[in-house]
């Protein structure tokens, strides 16, 4: 995890997509919660718009990279001004 993730100004990680894409790779919300040592509700809250703490976000990004076989630089981002953000 030494690679820095550069997110353009005015954008943030699109946690909904990150979590949904991990789930699409055959992990459940509970499996994600177990891996991160948080509750199922916490993961559901992140999916639904809450922001994870930095350390949990880093772990989610690492899980996404592994599930999608992609690099950190490819993590989905969304504009902070998007109505769904």
C-alpha atoms as a PDB file:
ATOM      1  CA  UNK A   1       0.000   0.000   0.000  1.00  0.00           C
ATOM      2  CA  UNK A   2       2.908   2.343  -0.591  1.00  0.00           C
ATOM      3  CA  UNK A   3       1.338   3.751  -3.723  1.00  0.00           C
ATOM      4  CA  UNK A   4      -0.299   7.125  -3.118  1.00  0.00           C
ATOM      5  CA  UNK A   5      -3.837   7.606  -4.309  1.00  0.00           C
ATOM      6  CA  UNK A   6      -4.282  10.985  -5.968  1.00  0.00           C
ATOM      7  CA  UNK A   7      -7.878  12.122  -6.136  1.00  0.00           C
ATOM      8  CA  UNK A   8      -8.673  15.200  -8.223  1.00  0.00           C
ATOM      9  CA  UNK A   9      -9.758  18.328  -6.368  1.00  0.00           C
ATOM     10  CA  UNK A  10     -13.509  18.366  -5.875  1.00  0.00           C
ATOM     11  CA  UNK A  11     -13.765  14.563  -5.970  1.00  0.00           C
ATOM     12  CA  UNK A  12     -13.798  11.763  -3.437  1.00  0.00           C
ATOM     13  CA  UNK A  13     -13.772   7.979  -3.455  1.00  0.00           C
ATOM     14  CA  UNK A  14     -17.115   6.638  -4.637  1.00  0.00           C
ATOM     15  CA  UNK A  15     -17.661   4.282  -1.691  1.00  0.00           C
ATOM     16  CA  UNK A  16     -21.012   3.022  -3.038  1.00  0.00           C
ATOM     17  CA  UNK A  17     -19.345   1.737  -6.205  1.00  0.00           C
ATOM     18  CA  UNK A  18     -16.321   0.406  -4.318  1.00  0.00           C
ATOM     19  CA  UNK A  19     -18.512  -1.668  -2.002  1.00  0.00           C
ATOM     20  CA  UNK A  20     -20.916  -2.782  -4.744  1.00  0.00           C
ATOM     21  CA  UNK A  21     -18.018  -3.897  -6.926  1.00  0.00           C
ATOM     22  CA  UNK A  22     -16.518  -5.884  -4.032  1.00  0.00           C
ATOM     23  CA  UNK A  23     -19.922  -7.516  -3.502  1.00  0.00           C
ATOM     24  CA  UNK A  24     -20.152  -8.259  -7.240  1.00  0.00           C
ATOM     25  CA  UNK A  25     -16.874 -10.167  -6.856  1.00  0.00           C
ATOM     26  CA  UNK A  26     -18.718 -12.605  -4.541  1.00  0.00           C
ATOM     27  CA  UNK A  27     -18.085 -11.080  -1.114  1.00  0.00           C
ATOM     28  CA  UNK A  28     -21.028 -10.259   1.101  1.00  0.00           C
ATOM     29  CA  UNK A  29     -21.402  -7.128   3.192  1.00  0.00           C
ATOM     30  CA  UNK A  30     -20.878  -9.374   6.218  1.00  0.00           C
ATOM     31  CA  UNK A  31     -17.638 -10.767   4.753  1.00  0.00           C
ATOM     32  CA  UNK A  32     -16.410  -7.210   4.190  1.00  0.00           C
ATOM     33  CA  UNK A  33     -17.398  -6.301   7.753  1.00  0.00           C
ATOM     34  CA  UNK A  34     -15.615  -9.346   9.153  1.00  0.00           C
ATOM     35  CA  UNK A  35     -12.448  -8.538   7.200  1.00  0.00           C
ATOM     36  CA  UNK A  36     -12.457  -4.942   8.457  1.00  0.00           C
ATOM     37  CA  UNK A  37     -13.565  -5.857  12.003  1.00  0.00           C
ATOM     38  CA  UNK A  38     -16.625  -3.601  11.839  1.00  0.00           C
ATOM     39  CA  UNK A  39     -20.343  -4.327  11.910  1.00  0.00           C
ATOM     40  CA  UNK A  40     -22.511  -5.197   8.926  1.00  0.00           C
ATOM     41  CA  UNK A  41     -24.433  -1.975   9.624  1.00  0.00           C
ATOM     42  CA  UNK A  42     -21.223   0.069   9.365  1.00  0.00           C
ATOM     43  CA  UNK A  43     -20.481  -1.321   5.900  1.00  0.00           C
ATOM     44  CA  UNK A  44     -24.090  -0.766   4.881  1.00  0.00           C
ATOM     45  CA  UNK A  45     -23.854   2.841   6.128  1.00  0.00           C
ATOM     46  CA  UNK A  46     -20.696   3.405   4.045  1.00  0.00           C
ATOM     47  CA  UNK A  47     -22.451   1.967   1.011  1.00  0.00           C
ATOM     48  CA  UNK A  48     -25.386   4.267   1.669  1.00  0.00           C
ATOM     49  CA  UNK A  49     -23.352   7.467   1.935  1.00  0.00           C
ATOM     50  CA  UNK A  50     -21.351   7.580   5.175  1.00  0.00           C
ATOM     51  CA  UNK A  51     -17.586   7.987   4.946  1.00  0.00           C
ATOM     52  CA  UNK A  52     -15.266   5.364   6.447  1.00  0.00           C
ATOM     53  CA  UNK A  53     -12.389   6.329   8.715  1.00  0.00           C
ATOM     54  CA  UNK A  54      -9.109   6.641   6.820  1.00  0.00           C
ATOM     55  CA  UNK A  55      -7.726   3.251   7.901  1.00  0.00           C
ATOM     56  CA  UNK A  56     -10.978   1.464   7.023  1.00  0.00           C
ATOM     57  CA  UNK A  57     -11.131   3.285   3.684  1.00  0.00           C
ATOM     58  CA  UNK A  58      -7.586   2.149   2.895  1.00  0.00           C
ATOM     59  CA  UNK A  59      -8.564  -1.448   3.682  1.00  0.00           C
ATOM     60  CA  UNK A  60     -11.685  -1.151   1.516  1.00  0.00           C
ATOM     61  CA  UNK A  61      -9.598   0.157  -1.369  1.00  0.00           C
ATOM     62  CA  UNK A  62      -7.160  -2.746  -0.934  1.00  0.00           C
ATOM     63  CA  UNK A  63     -10.088  -5.205  -0.969  1.00  0.00           C
ATOM     64  CA  UNK A  64     -11.467  -3.506  -4.095  1.00  0.00           C
ATOM     65  CA  UNK A  65      -8.078  -3.746  -5.825  1.00  0.00           C
ATOM     66  CA  UNK A  66      -7.846  -7.440  -5.023  1.00  0.00           C
ATOM     67  CA  UNK A  67     -11.448  -8.178  -6.013  1.00  0.00           C
ATOM     68  CA  UNK A  68     -11.238  -6.241  -9.289  1.00  0.00           C
ATOM     69  CA  UNK A  69      -7.584  -6.984 -10.125  1.00  0.00           C
ATOM     70  CA  UNK A  70      -7.006  -3.266 -10.609  1.00  0.00           C
ATOM     71  CA  UNK A  71      -4.556  -0.681  -9.293  1.00  0.00           C
ATOM     72  CA  UNK A  72      -5.350   1.857  -6.561  1.00  0.00           C
ATOM     73  CA  UNK A  73      -5.159   4.658  -9.116  1.00  0.00           C
ATOM     74  CA  UNK A  74      -8.238   3.174 -10.802  1.00  0.00           C
ATOM     75  CA  UNK A  75     -10.510   3.372  -7.750  1.00  0.00           C
ATOM     76  CA  UNK A  76     -13.892   4.908  -8.631  1.00  0.00           C
ATOM     77  CA  UNK A  77     -14.241   8.577  -7.728  1.00  0.00           C
ATOM     78  CA  UNK A  78     -17.197  10.929  -7.829  1.00  0.00           C
ATOM     79  CA  UNK A  79     -17.523  14.685  -7.835  1.00  0.00           C
ATOM     80  CA  UNK A  80     -18.368  16.179  -4.456  1.00  0.00           C
ATOM     81  CA  UNK A  81     -20.930  18.237  -6.351  1.00  0.00           C
ATOM     82  CA  UNK A  82     -22.712  15.231  -7.869  1.00  0.00           C
ATOM     83  CA  UNK A  83     -26.201  14.924  -6.381  1.00  0.00           C
ATOM     84  CA  UNK A  84     -25.519  11.249  -5.556  1.00  0.00           C
ATOM     85  CA  UNK A  85     -22.271  12.056  -3.704  1.00  0.00           C
END
